[in-house]
Amino acid sequence: MAFNQNIAQEYNRNKILTASPAELTLMLYEGAIKFCNIALIAIEKGDLQKAHTNIKKAEDIITEFKVTLNHKYPVAEDFEKIYDYIYSLLVNANVKKDPEILNQALDEIRGMRDTWKEVMNRTRGMNQ
């Protein structure tokens, strides 16, 4: 069992180390979604510490997106507002342990992820 876990960890490590910046961004969106889903299940089961820990992980990812925005481009302001909104939903969901608010944040993150995937696909199409 430990052997298989080590192989999976090594695979994930290599996946991250060889990913393009666009792929890393997608992985971060996927991570935020995963942590929100874990938190939703934890809230359902009454495991408030686990919910808190995973919502904080999602908050950290959103914070990372916000602080790495390149304000040289005007669209960065729009992204900053979206990230602020998502972050506020996550904080509110964490304080209240409210699955409805957490689902709102999750919907926003999924929307950002889906938009990012579309941008990646269009960029790939233009480069071929």
N, C-alpha and C. Protein backbone atom coordinates (compact mmCIF):
# COMPACT_ATOMS: atom_id res chain seq x y z
N MET A 1 0.83 -1.19 0.00
CA MET A 1 0.00 0.00 0.00
C MET A 1 0.87 1.26 0.00
N ALA A 2 1.89 1.28 0.86
CA ALA A 2 2.78 2.45 0.93
C ALA A 2 3.53 2.63 -0.39
N PHE A 3 3.87 1.52 -1.03
CA PHE A 3 4.58 1.60 -2.31
C PHE A 3 3.73 2.32 -3.35
N ASN A 4 2.46 1.96 -3.45
CA ASN A 4 1.56 2.61 -4.41
C ASN A 4 1.37 4.08 -4.09
N GLN A 5 1.32 4.40 -2.79
CA GLN A 5 1.17 5.80 -2.39
C GLN A 5 2.41 6.59 -2.80
N ASN A 6 3.58 6.01 -2.64
CA ASN A 6 4.82 6.68 -3.04
C ASN A 6 4.86 6.91 -4.55
N ILE A 7 4.39 5.95 -5.30
CA ILE A 7 4.34 6.11 -6.76
C ILE A 7 3.40 7.25 -7.13
N ALA A 8 2.24 7.29 -6.49
CA ALA A 8 1.27 8.35 -6.77
C ALA A 8 1.84 9.72 -6.40
N GLN A 9 2.53 9.80 -5.27
CA GLN A 9 3.14 11.07 -4.86
C GLN A 9 4.22 11.50 -5.84
N GLU A 10 5.02 10.57 -6.30
CA GLU A 10 6.08 10.89 -7.26
C GLU A 10 5.48 11.34 -8.59
N TYR A 11 4.41 10.69 -9.01
CA TYR A 11 3.72 11.07 -10.24
C TYR A 11 3.20 12.50 -10.13
N ASN A 12 2.54 12.81 -9.02
CA ASN A 12 2.01 14.16 -8.82
C ASN A 12 3.13 15.20 -8.75
N ARG A 13 4.21 14.85 -8.10
CA ARG A 13 5.36 15.76 -8.01
C ARG A 13 5.90 16.07 -9.41
N ASN A 14 6.09 15.03 -10.22
CA ASN A 14 6.59 15.22 -11.59
C ASN A 14 5.60 16.01 -12.45
N LYS A 15 4.32 15.77 -12.23
CA LYS A 15 3.28 16.48 -12.98
C LYS A 15 3.39 17.99 -12.70
N ILE A 16 3.60 18.34 -11.45
CA ILE A 16 3.72 19.75 -11.07
C ILE A 16 5.01 20.35 -11.63
N LEU A 17 6.10 19.62 -11.50
CA LEU A 17 7.40 20.15 -11.93
C LEU A 17 7.49 20.34 -13.44
N THR A 18 6.72 19.57 -14.20
CA THR A 18 6.79 19.67 -15.66
C THR A 18 5.63 20.46 -16.26
N ALA A 19 4.74 20.96 -15.43
CA ALA A 19 3.57 21.68 -15.93
C ALA A 19 3.93 23.09 -16.39
N SER A 20 3.21 23.55 -17.38
CA SER A 20 3.35 24.94 -17.84
C SER A 20 2.66 25.85 -16.82
N PRO A 21 2.94 27.16 -16.87
CA PRO A 21 2.23 28.08 -15.97
C PRO A 21 0.70 27.98 -16.11
N ALA A 22 0.22 27.81 -17.33
CA ALA A 22 -1.22 27.68 -17.55
C ALA A 22 -1.76 26.42 -16.88
N GLU A 23 -1.02 25.32 -17.00
CA GLU A 23 -1.44 24.07 -16.37
C GLU A 23 -1.39 24.16 -14.85
N LEU A 24 -0.38 24.87 -14.32
CA LEU A 24 -0.31 25.07 -12.87
C LEU A 24 -1.50 25.86 -12.37
N THR A 25 -1.90 26.88 -13.12
CA THR A 25 -3.07 27.66 -12.75
C THR A 25 -4.31 26.77 -12.71
N LEU A 26 -4.47 25.93 -13.71
CA LEU A 26 -5.59 25.00 -13.75
C LEU A 26 -5.55 24.06 -12.54
N MET A 27 -4.37 23.57 -12.21
CA MET A 27 -4.22 22.68 -11.05
C MET A 27 -4.63 23.39 -9.76
N LEU A 28 -4.30 24.67 -9.66
CA LEU A 28 -4.69 25.43 -8.46
C LEU A 28 -6.20 25.58 -8.38
N TYR A 29 -6.84 25.89 -9.51
CA TYR A 29 -8.31 25.95 -9.50
C TYR A 29 -8.89 24.60 -9.07
N GLU A 30 -8.36 23.52 -9.63
CA GLU A 30 -8.83 22.18 -9.28
C GLU A 30 -8.61 21.91 -7.79
N GLY A 31 -7.48 22.35 -7.27
CA GLY A 31 -7.20 22.18 -5.84
C GLY A 31 -8.20 22.92 -4.97
N ALA A 32 -8.50 24.16 -5.33
CA ALA A 32 -9.47 24.94 -4.56
C ALA A 32 -10.84 24.26 -4.58
N ILE A 33 -11.21 23.72 -5.72
CA ILE A 33 -12.49 23.00 -5.84
C ILE A 33 -12.47 21.76 -4.95
N LYS A 34 -11.37 21.02 -5.00
CA LYS A 34 -11.24 19.81 -4.18
C LYS A 34 -11.36 20.15 -2.69
N PHE A 35 -10.67 21.20 -2.25
CA PHE A 35 -10.71 21.57 -0.83
C PHE A 35 -12.11 22.01 -0.41
N CYS A 36 -12.80 22.72 -1.28
CA CYS A 36 -14.18 23.13 -0.97
C CYS A 36 -15.09 21.91 -0.85
N ASN A 37 -14.91 20.96 -1.74
CA ASN A 37 -15.73 19.74 -1.69
C ASN A 37 -15.46 18.94 -0.41
N ILE A 38 -14.20 18.85 -0.02
CA ILE A 38 -13.86 18.16 1.23
C ILE A 38 -14.50 18.89 2.41
N ALA A 39 -14.45 20.22 2.38
CA ALA A 39 -15.04 21.02 3.45
C ALA A 39 -16.56 20.83 3.52
N LEU A 40 -17.21 20.75 2.37
CA LEU A 40 -18.66 20.52 2.35
C LEU A 40 -19.02 19.20 3.04
N ILE A 41 -18.28 18.17 2.72
CA ILE A 41 -18.53 16.86 3.34
C ILE A 41 -18.25 16.93 4.84
N ALA A 42 -17.18 17.62 5.22
CA ALA A 42 -16.84 17.76 6.64
C ALA A 42 -17.93 18.51 7.40
N ILE A 43 -18.48 19.56 6.80
CA ILE A 43 -19.57 20.30 7.44
C ILE A 43 -20.77 19.37 7.64
N GLU A 44 -21.07 18.61 6.60
CA GLU A 44 -22.19 17.66 6.65
C GLU A 44 -22.02 16.67 7.80
N LYS A 45 -20.77 16.23 8.02
CA LYS A 45 -20.48 15.24 9.06
C LYS A 45 -20.23 15.88 10.43
N GLY A 46 -20.23 17.21 10.48
CA GLY A 46 -19.99 17.90 11.75
C GLY A 46 -18.53 18.00 12.14
N ASP A 47 -17.63 17.71 11.22
CA ASP A 47 -16.19 17.81 11.48
C ASP A 47 -15.74 19.23 11.15
N LEU A 48 -15.97 20.14 12.09
CA LEU A 48 -15.75 21.56 11.84
C LEU A 48 -14.27 21.90 11.66
N GLN A 49 -13.38 21.18 12.35
CA GLN A 49 -11.95 21.45 12.19
C GLN A 49 -11.49 21.10 10.77
N LYS A 50 -11.93 19.97 10.28
CA LYS A 50 -11.57 19.56 8.92
C LYS A 50 -12.15 20.54 7.90
N ALA A 51 -13.37 20.99 8.14
CA ALA A 51 -13.98 21.98 7.25
C ALA A 51 -13.15 23.26 7.25
N HIS A 52 -12.79 23.72 8.44
CA HIS A 52 -11.98 24.94 8.57
C HIS A 52 -10.65 24.80 7.82
N THR A 53 -9.96 23.70 8.05
CA THR A 53 -8.65 23.47 7.43
C THR A 53 -8.75 23.52 5.91
N ASN A 54 -9.76 22.89 5.36
CA ASN A 54 -9.88 22.83 3.90
C ASN A 54 -10.38 24.13 3.29
N ILE A 55 -11.25 24.84 3.99
CA ILE A 55 -11.66 26.15 3.49
C ILE A 55 -10.46 27.09 3.50
N LYS A 56 -9.63 27.01 4.55
CA LYS A 56 -8.42 27.84 4.61
C LYS A 56 -7.49 27.54 3.42
N LYS A 57 -7.38 26.29 3.04
CA LYS A 57 -6.55 25.93 1.88
C LYS A 57 -7.10 26.58 0.61
N ALA A 58 -8.42 26.56 0.46
CA ALA A 58 -9.04 27.22 -0.70
C ALA A 58 -8.80 28.73 -0.64
N GLU A 59 -8.93 29.31 0.56
CA GLU A 59 -8.66 30.75 0.73
C GLU A 59 -7.23 31.08 0.32
N ASP A 60 -6.29 30.23 0.73
CA ASP A 60 -4.88 30.46 0.40
C ASP A 60 -4.65 30.46 -1.11
N ILE A 61 -5.32 29.56 -1.82
CA ILE A 61 -5.18 29.51 -3.27
C ILE A 61 -5.73 30.79 -3.90
N ILE A 62 -6.90 31.22 -3.45
CA ILE A 62 -7.49 32.45 -3.99
C ILE A 62 -6.59 33.64 -3.68
N THR A 63 -6.02 33.68 -2.49
CA THR A 63 -5.09 34.76 -2.13
C THR A 63 -3.88 34.74 -3.06
N GLU A 64 -3.37 33.57 -3.35
CA GLU A 64 -2.22 33.45 -4.26
C GLU A 64 -2.57 33.98 -5.64
N PHE A 65 -3.75 33.64 -6.14
CA PHE A 65 -4.18 34.19 -7.43
C PHE A 65 -4.20 35.71 -7.39
N LYS A 66 -4.72 36.26 -6.30
CA LYS A 66 -4.86 37.71 -6.20
C LYS A 66 -3.49 38.41 -6.14
N VAL A 67 -2.58 37.90 -5.33
CA VAL A 67 -1.30 38.60 -5.16
C VAL A 67 -0.38 38.44 -6.37
N THR A 68 -0.67 37.47 -7.22
CA THR A 68 0.18 37.29 -8.41
C THR A 68 -0.40 37.93 -9.66
N LEU A 69 -1.49 38.68 -9.51
CA LEU A 69 -2.05 39.39 -10.67
C LEU A 69 -1.05 40.41 -11.20
N ASN A 70 -0.97 40.49 -12.52
CA ASN A 70 -0.10 41.47 -13.16
C ASN A 70 -0.94 42.71 -13.46
N HIS A 71 -0.76 43.75 -12.66
CA HIS A 71 -1.58 44.95 -12.79
C HIS A 71 -1.17 45.83 -13.97
N LYS A 72 -0.24 45.33 -14.75
CA LYS A 72 0.12 46.01 -15.99
C LYS A 72 -1.05 45.96 -16.98
N TYR A 73 -1.90 44.96 -16.80
CA TYR A 73 -3.05 44.77 -17.69
C TYR A 73 -4.32 45.21 -16.98
N PRO A 74 -5.17 46.00 -17.66
CA PRO A 74 -6.40 46.51 -17.02
C PRO A 74 -7.34 45.41 -16.51
N VAL A 75 -7.33 44.25 -17.14
CA VAL A 75 -8.23 43.16 -16.74
C VAL A 75 -7.89 42.66 -15.33
N ALA A 76 -6.70 42.95 -14.85
CA ALA A 76 -6.30 42.51 -13.51
C ALA A 76 -7.24 43.07 -12.44
N GLU A 77 -7.72 44.28 -12.65
CA GLU A 77 -8.66 44.87 -11.68
C GLU A 77 -9.95 44.06 -11.60
N ASP A 78 -10.42 43.59 -12.75
CA ASP A 78 -11.63 42.77 -12.76
C ASP A 78 -11.40 41.45 -12.03
N PHE A 79 -10.25 40.83 -12.30
CA PHE A 79 -9.92 39.58 -11.62
C PHE A 79 -9.78 39.81 -10.11
N GLU A 80 -9.18 40.92 -9.74
CA GLU A 80 -9.01 41.21 -8.32
C GLU A 80 -10.37 41.30 -7.62
N LYS A 81 -11.33 41.95 -8.26
CA LYS A 81 -12.68 42.05 -7.68
C LYS A 81 -13.33 40.67 -7.54
N ILE A 82 -13.15 39.84 -8.55
CA ILE A 82 -13.72 38.49 -8.50
C ILE A 82 -13.07 37.69 -7.37
N TYR A 83 -11.73 37.76 -7.29
CA TYR A 83 -11.03 37.03 -6.23
C TYR A 83 -11.41 37.54 -4.85
N ASP A 84 -11.58 38.86 -4.71
CA ASP A 84 -12.04 39.42 -3.43
C ASP A 84 -13.41 38.87 -3.06
N TYR A 85 -14.29 38.80 -4.04
CA TYR A 85 -15.64 38.28 -3.80
C TYR A 85 -15.59 36.81 -3.37
N ILE A 86 -14.83 36.00 -4.10
CA ILE A 86 -14.72 34.58 -3.77
C ILE A 86 -14.12 34.42 -2.37
N TYR A 87 -13.08 35.19 -2.10
CA TYR A 87 -12.42 35.12 -0.79
C TYR A 87 -13.41 35.46 0.32
N SER A 88 -14.21 36.51 0.12
CA SER A 88 -15.18 36.90 1.15
C SER A 88 -16.23 35.81 1.35
N LEU A 89 -16.64 35.14 0.28
CA LEU A 89 -17.56 34.02 0.41
C LEU A 89 -16.93 32.89 1.23
N LEU A 90 -15.67 32.59 0.94
CA LEU A 90 -14.98 31.52 1.67
C LEU A 90 -14.86 31.86 3.16
N VAL A 91 -14.47 33.09 3.46
CA VAL A 91 -14.33 33.50 4.86
C VAL A 91 -15.68 33.39 5.57
N ASN A 92 -16.72 33.90 4.92
CA ASN A 92 -18.06 33.86 5.50
C ASN A 92 -18.52 32.42 5.70
N ALA A 93 -18.28 31.57 4.71
CA ALA A 93 -18.65 30.16 4.82
C ALA A 93 -17.89 29.49 5.96
N ASN A 94 -16.64 29.88 6.14
CA ASN A 94 -15.82 29.29 7.19
C ASN A 94 -16.29 29.73 8.57
N VAL A 95 -16.59 30.99 8.72
CA VAL A 95 -17.06 31.50 10.01
C VAL A 95 -18.39 30.84 10.39
N LYS A 96 -19.29 30.76 9.43
CA LYS A 96 -20.65 30.24 9.70
C LYS A 96 -20.78 28.74 9.49
N LYS A 97 -19.76 28.14 8.87
CA LYS A 97 -19.82 26.73 8.46
C LYS A 97 -21.12 26.48 7.70
N ASP A 98 -21.34 27.36 6.73
CA ASP A 98 -22.58 27.38 5.96
C ASP A 98 -22.35 26.76 4.58
N PRO A 99 -22.93 25.58 4.32
CA PRO A 99 -22.71 24.92 3.03
C PRO A 99 -23.28 25.72 1.85
N GLU A 100 -24.33 26.48 2.08
CA GLU A 100 -24.92 27.27 0.99
C GLU A 100 -23.93 28.34 0.51
N ILE A 101 -23.31 29.03 1.44
CA ILE A 101 -22.32 30.05 1.07
C ILE A 101 -21.11 29.40 0.43
N LEU A 102 -20.70 28.26 0.98
CA LEU A 102 -19.55 27.55 0.41
C LEU A 102 -19.86 27.09 -1.01
N ASN A 103 -21.08 26.67 -1.26
CA ASN A 103 -21.47 26.28 -2.62
C ASN A 103 -21.45 27.47 -3.58
N GLN A 104 -21.78 28.67 -3.08
CA GLN A 104 -21.69 29.87 -3.91
C GLN A 104 -20.23 30.10 -4.31
N ALA A 105 -19.32 29.98 -3.35
CA ALA A 105 -17.90 30.14 -3.64
C ALA A 105 -17.45 29.08 -4.64
N LEU A 106 -17.89 27.87 -4.42
CA LEU A 106 -17.53 26.75 -5.31
C LEU A 106 -18.01 27.01 -6.73
N ASP A 107 -19.22 27.52 -6.87
CA ASP A 107 -19.74 27.85 -8.21
C ASP A 107 -18.86 28.89 -8.90
N GLU A 108 -18.44 29.90 -8.14
CA GLU A 108 -17.58 30.95 -8.71
C GLU A 108 -16.22 30.37 -9.12
N ILE A 109 -15.65 29.53 -8.27
CA ILE A 109 -14.35 28.94 -8.58
C ILE A 109 -14.47 28.03 -9.80
N ARG A 110 -15.53 27.26 -9.86
CA ARG A 110 -15.74 26.40 -11.05
C ARG A 110 -15.88 27.24 -12.31
N GLY A 111 -16.58 28.35 -12.20
CA GLY A 111 -16.71 29.25 -13.35
C GLY A 111 -15.36 29.78 -13.81
N MET A 112 -14.52 30.17 -12.85
CA MET A 112 -13.18 30.65 -13.18
C MET A 112 -12.35 29.53 -13.82
N ARG A 113 -12.46 28.33 -13.26
CA ARG A 113 -11.73 27.19 -13.80
C ARG A 113 -12.18 26.88 -15.23
N ASP A 114 -13.48 26.88 -15.45
CA ASP A 114 -14.01 26.58 -16.78
C ASP A 114 -13.58 27.63 -17.80
N THR A 115 -13.59 28.89 -17.38
CA THR A 115 -13.12 29.97 -18.25
C THR A 115 -11.65 29.77 -18.57
N TRP A 116 -10.86 29.42 -17.56
CA TRP A 116 -9.43 29.20 -17.76
C TRP A 116 -9.19 28.06 -18.74
N LYS A 117 -9.96 26.97 -18.60
CA LYS A 117 -9.83 25.84 -19.53
C LYS A 117 -10.11 26.28 -20.96
N GLU A 118 -11.14 27.11 -21.12
CA GLU A 118 -11.50 27.61 -22.45
C GLU A 118 -10.37 28.45 -23.04
N VAL A 119 -9.78 29.30 -22.22
CA VAL A 119 -8.65 30.12 -22.67
C VAL A 119 -7.49 29.21 -23.09
N MET A 120 -7.22 28.19 -22.29
CA MET A 120 -6.13 27.26 -22.63
C MET A 120 -6.41 26.56 -23.96
N ASN A 121 -7.65 26.12 -24.16
CA ASN A 121 -8.01 25.43 -25.40
C ASN A 121 -7.89 26.35 -26.61
N ARG A 122 -8.34 27.58 -26.46
CA ARG A 122 -8.25 28.54 -27.57
C ARG A 122 -6.80 28.88 -27.88
N THR A 123 -6.00 29.02 -26.85
CA THR A 123 -4.58 29.33 -27.04
C THR A 123 -3.88 28.18 -27.74
N ARG A 124 -4.21 26.96 -27.34
CA ARG A 124 -3.64 25.78 -27.99
C ARG A 124 -4.01 25.76 -29.47
N GLY A 125 -5.27 26.07 -29.76
CA GLY A 125 -5.75 26.09 -31.14
C GLY A 125 -5.04 27.13 -31.98
N MET A 126 -4.72 28.26 -31.38
CA MET A 126 -4.02 29.33 -32.11
C MET A 126 -2.56 28.98 -32.36
N ASN A 127 -1.99 28.16 -31.48
CA ASN A 127 -0.57 27.82 -31.60
C ASN A 127 -0.32 26.62 -32.51
N GLN A 128 -1.39 26.01 -32.99
CA GLN A 128 -1.19 24.83 -33.85
C GLN A 128 -1.24 25.18 -35.30
